[in-house]
Amino acid sequence: MRRRTLLGVAGASMASLAGCLGATEYTVTDVRVGQSSAPVGLDVSITEPNAVIEHPASLEFSVTNQQNSPVRVRNTGIWPFGLLELVPSLDIEEAGGTILWTSRYEESQYVDAESRGNYGTEDTPLVRTLEPGGTASETYELHGDDIRGAGTRYVRGEFEPPILKYSTEESEAWQSFLPEVAVSLEKTDLF
């Protein structure tokens, strides 16, 4: 009886591993943020490079007020960055990127997030002020099973290209903040 139980457990374990065989894992090898003349600066750091079966890769985005007066930052969904995605080209405007995920999507009353493949956001603007030198950050996850191949991808807002919008005391009109953020991905096939 024990042998059958052992063989049954071993068989079930091998079956559960079958989904892992042939899976692809990815590594974030580099993130480059282009220069911007905006009064806010963006920094993106790799906090976990490996998007593997056990866990996603993660990137921390930080926006900093670089001027001597307050800057208002606006977005939808969650503040300050909203819903972000990786797209294969800066020229593509249609949907179809890879969502960058944060648990704050599920916590926000302005995001309808059932899963990484089924989500939406309200158009309610979320506006807060960054004082001079102030910084706001958010960490996003990049799940390997959402990635559509290795190469360079670019960060964009999920429903409109700007990562965020801002206004200053000098110009109360909202300006789009859209620096070029390039994320390099390499893949490793599992055996």
C-alpha atoms as a PDB file:
ATOM      1  CA  MET A   1       0.000   0.000   0.000  1.00  0.00           C
ATOM      2  CA  ARG A   2       2.782   2.432   0.814  1.00  0.00           C
ATOM      3  CA  ARG A   3       4.457   1.747  -2.516  1.00  0.00           C
ATOM      4  CA  ARG A   4       1.274   2.642  -4.428  1.00  0.00           C
ATOM      5  CA  THR A   5       0.939   5.832  -2.411  1.00  0.00           C
ATOM      6  CA  LEU A   6       4.574   6.705  -3.119  1.00  0.00           C
ATOM      7  CA  LEU A   7       4.164   5.978  -6.832  1.00  0.00           C
ATOM      8  CA  GLY A   8       0.926   7.974  -6.909  1.00  0.00           C
ATOM      9  CA  VAL A   9       2.573  10.963  -5.230  1.00  0.00           C
ATOM     10  CA  ALA A  10       5.613  10.713  -7.528  1.00  0.00           C
ATOM     11  CA  GLY A  11       3.347  10.555 -10.586  1.00  0.00           C
ATOM     12  CA  ALA A  12       1.345  13.575  -9.450  1.00  0.00           C
ATOM     13  CA  SER A  13       4.555  15.501  -8.768  1.00  0.00           C
ATOM     14  CA  MET A  14       5.917  14.756 -12.233  1.00  0.00           C
ATOM     15  CA  ALA A  15       2.621  15.794 -13.804  1.00  0.00           C
ATOM     16  CA  SER A  16       2.722  19.116 -11.972  1.00  0.00           C
ATOM     17  CA  LEU A  17       6.258  19.721 -13.241  1.00  0.00           C
ATOM     18  CA  ALA A  18       5.240  19.006 -16.816  1.00  0.00           C
ATOM     19  CA  GLY A  19       3.875  22.540 -17.156  1.00  0.00           C
ATOM     20  CA  CYS A  20       7.276  23.907 -16.168  1.00  0.00           C
ATOM     21  CA  LEU A  21       9.196  21.936 -18.785  1.00  0.00           C
ATOM     22  CA  GLY A  22       9.749  23.982 -21.899  1.00  0.00           C
ATOM     23  CA  ALA A  23       8.672  27.183 -20.132  1.00  0.00           C
ATOM     24  CA  THR A  24      10.668  30.328 -20.783  1.00  0.00           C
ATOM     25  CA  GLU A  25      12.166  32.480 -18.082  1.00  0.00           C
ATOM     26  CA  TYR A  26      13.313  36.058 -18.655  1.00  0.00           C
ATOM     27  CA  THR A  27      15.869  38.398 -17.100  1.00  0.00           C
ATOM     28  CA  VAL A  28      15.698  42.185 -17.135  1.00  0.00           C
ATOM     29  CA  THR A  29      19.280  43.020 -18.083  1.00  0.00           C
ATOM     30  CA  ASP A  30      19.076  46.808 -18.390  1.00  0.00           C
ATOM     31  CA  VAL A  31      16.772  49.798 -18.003  1.00  0.00           C
ATOM     32  CA  ARG A  32      17.600  53.126 -19.635  1.00  0.00           C
ATOM     33  CA  VAL A  33      15.668  56.349 -19.023  1.00  0.00           C
ATOM     34  CA  GLY A  34      16.040  59.060 -21.662  1.00  0.00           C
ATOM     35  CA  GLN A  35      16.729  62.689 -20.808  1.00  0.00           C
ATOM     36  CA  SER A  36      13.839  65.078 -20.306  1.00  0.00           C
ATOM     37  CA  SER A  37      13.565  68.826 -19.837  1.00  0.00           C
ATOM     38  CA  ALA A  38      10.474  68.415 -17.646  1.00  0.00           C
ATOM     39  CA  PRO A  39      10.461  69.746 -14.061  1.00  0.00           C
ATOM     40  CA  VAL A  40      10.119  66.141 -12.863  1.00  0.00           C
ATOM     41  CA  GLY A  41      12.697  63.415 -13.232  1.00  0.00           C
ATOM     42  CA  LEU A  42      12.149  59.692 -13.592  1.00  0.00           C
ATOM     43  CA  ASP A  43      14.329  56.918 -12.233  1.00  0.00           C
ATOM     44  CA  VAL A  44      13.676  53.232 -12.890  1.00  0.00           C
ATOM     45  CA  SER A  45      15.688  50.603 -11.043  1.00  0.00           C
ATOM     46  CA  ILE A  46      15.689  46.835 -11.311  1.00  0.00           C
ATOM     47  CA  THR A  47      14.762  45.441  -7.893  1.00  0.00           C
ATOM     48  CA  GLU A  48      14.443  41.800  -9.051  1.00  0.00           C
ATOM     49  CA  PRO A  49      15.893  40.984 -12.486  1.00  0.00           C
ATOM     50  CA  ASN A  50      14.487  37.467 -12.966  1.00  0.00           C
ATOM     51  CA  ALA A  51      10.977  36.733 -14.219  1.00  0.00           C
ATOM     52  CA  VAL A  52      10.934  33.043 -13.381  1.00  0.00           C
ATOM     53  CA  ILE A  53       8.345  30.407 -12.550  1.00  0.00           C
ATOM     54  CA  GLU A  54       8.778  31.064  -8.821  1.00  0.00           C
ATOM     55  CA  HIS A  55       8.402  34.871  -8.943  1.00  0.00           C
ATOM     56  CA  PRO A  56       8.156  37.881 -11.275  1.00  0.00           C
ATOM     57  CA  ALA A  57      10.840  40.423 -12.066  1.00  0.00           C
ATOM     58  CA  SER A  58      10.257  43.842 -10.496  1.00  0.00           C
ATOM     59  CA  LEU A  59      11.071  47.439 -11.377  1.00  0.00           C
ATOM     60  CA  GLU A  60      10.834  50.441  -9.058  1.00  0.00           C
ATOM     61  CA  PHE A  61       9.691  53.676 -10.689  1.00  0.00           C
ATOM     62  CA  SER A  62      10.396  56.975  -8.883  1.00  0.00           C
ATOM     63  CA  VAL A  63       9.323  60.465  -9.928  1.00  0.00           C
ATOM     64  CA  THR A  64      11.093  63.450  -8.321  1.00  0.00           C
ATOM     65  CA  ASN A  65      10.258  67.153  -8.380  1.00  0.00           C
ATOM     66  CA  GLN A  66      13.493  68.750  -9.657  1.00  0.00           C
ATOM     67  CA  GLN A  67      12.455  72.378  -9.314  1.00  0.00           C
ATOM     68  CA  ASN A  68      12.158  74.849  -6.429  1.00  0.00           C
ATOM     69  CA  SER A  69       8.366  75.061  -6.447  1.00  0.00           C
ATOM     70  CA  PRO A  70       5.590  72.469  -6.138  1.00  0.00           C
ATOM     71  CA  VAL A  71       4.559  70.324  -9.113  1.00  0.00           C
ATOM     72  CA  ARG A  72       1.136  68.732  -9.436  1.00  0.00           C
ATOM     73  CA  VAL A  73       1.160  65.176 -10.794  1.00  0.00           C
ATOM     74  CA  ARG A  74      -1.939  63.604 -12.353  1.00  0.00           C
ATOM     75  CA  ASN A  75      -2.856  60.115 -13.468  1.00  0.00           C
ATOM     76  CA  THR A  76      -5.745  57.643 -13.443  1.00  0.00           C
ATOM     77  CA  GLY A  77      -6.087  54.296 -11.681  1.00  0.00           C
ATOM     78  CA  ILE A  78      -3.317  54.694  -9.096  1.00  0.00           C
ATOM     79  CA  TRP A  79      -1.097  57.643  -8.291  1.00  0.00           C
ATOM     80  CA  PRO A  80       1.525  58.601  -9.459  1.00  0.00           C
ATOM     81  CA  PHE A  81       2.066  56.364 -12.512  1.00  0.00           C
ATOM     82  CA  GLY A  82      -1.277  54.718 -13.237  1.00  0.00           C
ATOM     83  CA  LEU A  83      -1.350  51.516 -15.270  1.00  0.00           C
ATOM     84  CA  LEU A  84       1.883  50.919 -17.175  1.00  0.00           C
ATOM     85  CA  GLU A  85       2.802  48.498 -19.950  1.00  0.00           C
ATOM     86  CA  LEU A  86       5.791  47.438 -22.036  1.00  0.00           C
ATOM     87  CA  VAL A  87       5.379  47.844 -25.802  1.00  0.00           C
ATOM     88  CA  PRO A  88       7.684  46.534 -28.550  1.00  0.00           C
ATOM     89  CA  SER A  89       7.974  49.878 -30.354  1.00  0.00           C
ATOM     90  CA  LEU A  90       7.507  53.564 -29.621  1.00  0.00           C
ATOM     91  CA  ASP A  91       5.557  53.830 -32.881  1.00  0.00           C
ATOM     92  CA  ILE A  92       2.781  51.429 -31.904  1.00  0.00           C
ATOM     93  CA  GLU A  93      -0.334  53.097 -30.510  1.00  0.00           C
ATOM     94  CA  GLU A  94      -2.688  50.124 -30.355  1.00  0.00           C
ATOM     95  CA  ALA A  95      -3.181  47.842 -27.365  1.00  0.00           C
ATOM     96  CA  GLY A  96      -1.191  44.677 -26.991  1.00  0.00           C
ATOM     97  CA  GLY A  97       1.665  45.438 -24.658  1.00  0.00           C
ATOM     98  CA  THR A  98       2.758  43.537 -21.559  1.00  0.00           C
ATOM     99  CA  ILE A  99       1.141  44.863 -18.384  1.00  0.00           C
ATOM    100  CA  LEU A 100       3.415  45.917 -15.540  1.00  0.00           C
ATOM    101  CA  TRP A 101       1.530  44.717 -12.467  1.00  0.00           C
ATOM    102  CA  THR A 102       1.226  46.029  -8.930  1.00  0.00           C
ATOM    103  CA  SER A 103      -1.065  44.802  -6.167  1.00  0.00           C
ATOM    104  CA  ARG A 104      -2.252  48.393  -5.829  1.00  0.00           C
ATOM    105  CA  TYR A 105      -4.385  47.816  -8.949  1.00  0.00           C
ATOM    106  CA  GLU A 106      -6.489  45.349  -6.956  1.00  0.00           C
ATOM    107  CA  GLU A 107      -6.638  47.720  -3.958  1.00  0.00           C
ATOM    108  CA  SER A 108      -7.621  50.851  -5.906  1.00  0.00           C
ATOM    109  CA  GLN A 109     -11.253  51.861  -6.155  1.00  0.00           C
ATOM    110  CA  TYR A 110     -10.411  53.367  -9.561  1.00  0.00           C
ATOM    111  CA  VAL A 111      -9.084  50.138 -11.144  1.00  0.00           C
ATOM    112  CA  ASP A 112     -11.211  47.138 -12.032  1.00  0.00           C
ATOM    113  CA  ALA A 113      -8.579  44.379 -11.886  1.00  0.00           C
ATOM    114  CA  GLU A 114      -9.809  40.814 -12.055  1.00  0.00           C
ATOM    115  CA  SER A 115      -6.475  39.478 -13.307  1.00  0.00           C
ATOM    116  CA  ARG A 116      -3.380  40.509 -15.272  1.00  0.00           C
ATOM    117  CA  GLY A 117      -5.348  39.763 -18.435  1.00  0.00           C
ATOM    118  CA  ASN A 118      -8.615  41.436 -17.451  1.00  0.00           C
ATOM    119  CA  TYR A 119      -8.486  44.983 -16.080  1.00  0.00           C
ATOM    120  CA  GLY A 120      -9.665  48.515 -16.690  1.00  0.00           C
ATOM    121  CA  THR A 121      -9.573  51.936 -15.075  1.00  0.00           C
ATOM    122  CA  GLU A 122     -11.905  54.845 -14.447  1.00  0.00           C
ATOM    123  CA  ASP A 123     -11.135  58.225 -15.976  1.00  0.00           C
ATOM    124  CA  THR A 124     -11.201  59.904 -12.551  1.00  0.00           C
ATOM    125  CA  PRO A 125      -8.049  62.069 -12.361  1.00  0.00           C
ATOM    126  CA  LEU A 126      -5.895  61.444  -9.300  1.00  0.00           C
ATOM    127  CA  VAL A 127      -3.920  64.623  -8.532  1.00  0.00           C
ATOM    128  CA  ARG A 128      -1.340  65.163  -5.803  1.00  0.00           C
ATOM    129  CA  THR A 129       1.405  67.682  -5.246  1.00  0.00           C
ATOM    130  CA  LEU A 130       5.100  66.905  -5.115  1.00  0.00           C
ATOM    131  CA  GLU A 131       6.949  69.480  -3.049  1.00  0.00           C
ATOM    132  CA  PRO A 132      10.429  70.649  -4.191  1.00  0.00           C
ATOM    133  CA  GLY A 133      12.770  67.652  -3.995  1.00  0.00           C
ATOM    134  CA  GLY A 134       9.844  65.344  -3.198  1.00  0.00           C
ATOM    135  CA  THR A 135       9.741  61.816  -4.598  1.00  0.00           C
ATOM    136  CA  ALA A 136       6.956  59.277  -5.113  1.00  0.00           C
ATOM    137  CA  SER A 137       7.643  55.638  -5.997  1.00  0.00           C
ATOM    138  CA  GLU A 138       5.839  52.484  -7.049  1.00  0.00           C
ATOM    139  CA  THR A 139       7.173  48.978  -7.671  1.00  0.00           C
ATOM    140  CA  TYR A 140       5.760  47.062 -10.639  1.00  0.00           C
ATOM    141  CA  GLU A 141       6.054  43.350 -11.393  1.00  0.00           C
ATOM    142  CA  LEU A 142       6.839  41.813 -14.764  1.00  0.00           C
ATOM    143  CA  HIS A 143       5.496  38.254 -14.957  1.00  0.00           C
ATOM    144  CA  GLY A 144       7.354  35.891 -17.272  1.00  0.00           C
ATOM    145  CA  ASP A 145       4.214  34.290 -18.680  1.00  0.00           C
ATOM    146  CA  ASP A 146       3.038  37.742 -19.852  1.00  0.00           C
ATOM    147  CA  ILE A 147       6.262  38.531 -21.761  1.00  0.00           C
ATOM    148  CA  ARG A 148       6.049  38.133 -25.541  1.00  0.00           C
ATOM    149  CA  GLY A 149       9.713  37.514 -26.291  1.00  0.00           C
ATOM    150  CA  ALA A 150      13.173  38.852 -25.599  1.00  0.00           C
ATOM    151  CA  GLY A 151      14.472  42.185 -26.836  1.00  0.00           C
ATOM    152  CA  THR A 152      13.988  45.841 -25.989  1.00  0.00           C
ATOM    153  CA  ARG A 153      10.581  47.039 -24.812  1.00  0.00           C
ATOM    154  CA  TYR A 154       9.410  50.556 -23.974  1.00  0.00           C
ATOM    155  CA  VAL A 155       7.318  51.759 -21.029  1.00  0.00           C
ATOM    156  CA  ARG A 156       4.049  53.536 -21.801  1.00  0.00           C
ATOM    157  CA  GLY A 157       0.819  54.276 -20.008  1.00  0.00           C
ATOM    158  CA  GLU A 158      -1.615  51.409 -20.582  1.00  0.00           C
ATOM    159  CA  PHE A 159      -4.550  53.450 -21.910  1.00  0.00           C
ATOM    160  CA  GLU A 160      -2.722  56.560 -23.133  1.00  0.00           C
ATOM    161  CA  PRO A 161       1.003  56.905 -23.832  1.00  0.00           C
ATOM    162  CA  PRO A 162       2.127  59.402 -21.149  1.00  0.00           C
ATOM    163  CA  ILE A 163       3.507  57.847 -17.979  1.00  0.00           C
ATOM    164  CA  LEU A 164       1.905  60.775 -16.130  1.00  0.00           C
ATOM    165  CA  LYS A 165       0.878  64.406 -16.585  1.00  0.00           C
ATOM    166  CA  TYR A 166       2.120  67.378 -14.587  1.00  0.00           C
ATOM    167  CA  SER A 167       1.492  71.079 -14.092  1.00  0.00           C
ATOM    168  CA  THR A 168       3.500  73.816 -12.391  1.00  0.00           C
ATOM    169  CA  GLU A 169       2.760  77.182 -10.782  1.00  0.00           C
ATOM    170  CA  GLU A 170       4.111  78.859 -13.926  1.00  0.00           C
ATOM    171  CA  SER A 171       1.932  76.809 -16.281  1.00  0.00           C
ATOM    172  CA  GLU A 172      -1.279  75.350 -14.932  1.00  0.00           C
ATOM    173  CA  ALA A 173      -1.961  73.513 -18.215  1.00  0.00           C
ATOM    174  CA  TRP A 174      -1.352  69.769 -17.956  1.00  0.00           C
ATOM    175  CA  GLN A 175       1.779  68.592 -19.782  1.00  0.00           C
ATOM    176  CA  SER A 176       2.430  64.975 -20.816  1.00  0.00           C
ATOM    177  CA  PHE A 177       5.500  63.345 -19.299  1.00  0.00           C
ATOM    178  CA  LEU A 178       6.747  60.726 -21.731  1.00  0.00           C
ATOM    179  CA  PRO A 179      10.486  60.060 -21.422  1.00  0.00           C
ATOM    180  CA  GLU A 180      11.859  57.125 -23.361  1.00  0.00           C
ATOM    181  CA  VAL A 181      12.213  54.203 -20.949  1.00  0.00           C
ATOM    182  CA  ALA A 182      13.857  51.178 -22.599  1.00  0.00           C
ATOM    183  CA  VAL A 183      13.790  47.801 -20.830  1.00  0.00           C
ATOM    184  CA  SER A 184      16.084  45.043 -22.148  1.00  0.00           C
ATOM    185  CA  LEU A 185      14.927  41.431 -21.718  1.00  0.00           C
ATOM    186  CA  GLU A 186      16.835  38.187 -22.300  1.00  0.00           C
ATOM    187  CA  LYS A 187      15.271  34.746 -22.215  1.00  0.00           C
ATOM    188  CA  THR A 188      16.459  31.433 -20.845  1.00  0.00           C
ATOM    189  CA  ASP A 189      14.717  28.236 -21.938  1.00  0.00           C
ATOM    190  CA  LEU A 190      14.231  25.659 -19.208  1.00  0.00           C
ATOM    191  CA  PHE A 191      14.958  22.030 -19.885  1.00  0.00           C
END
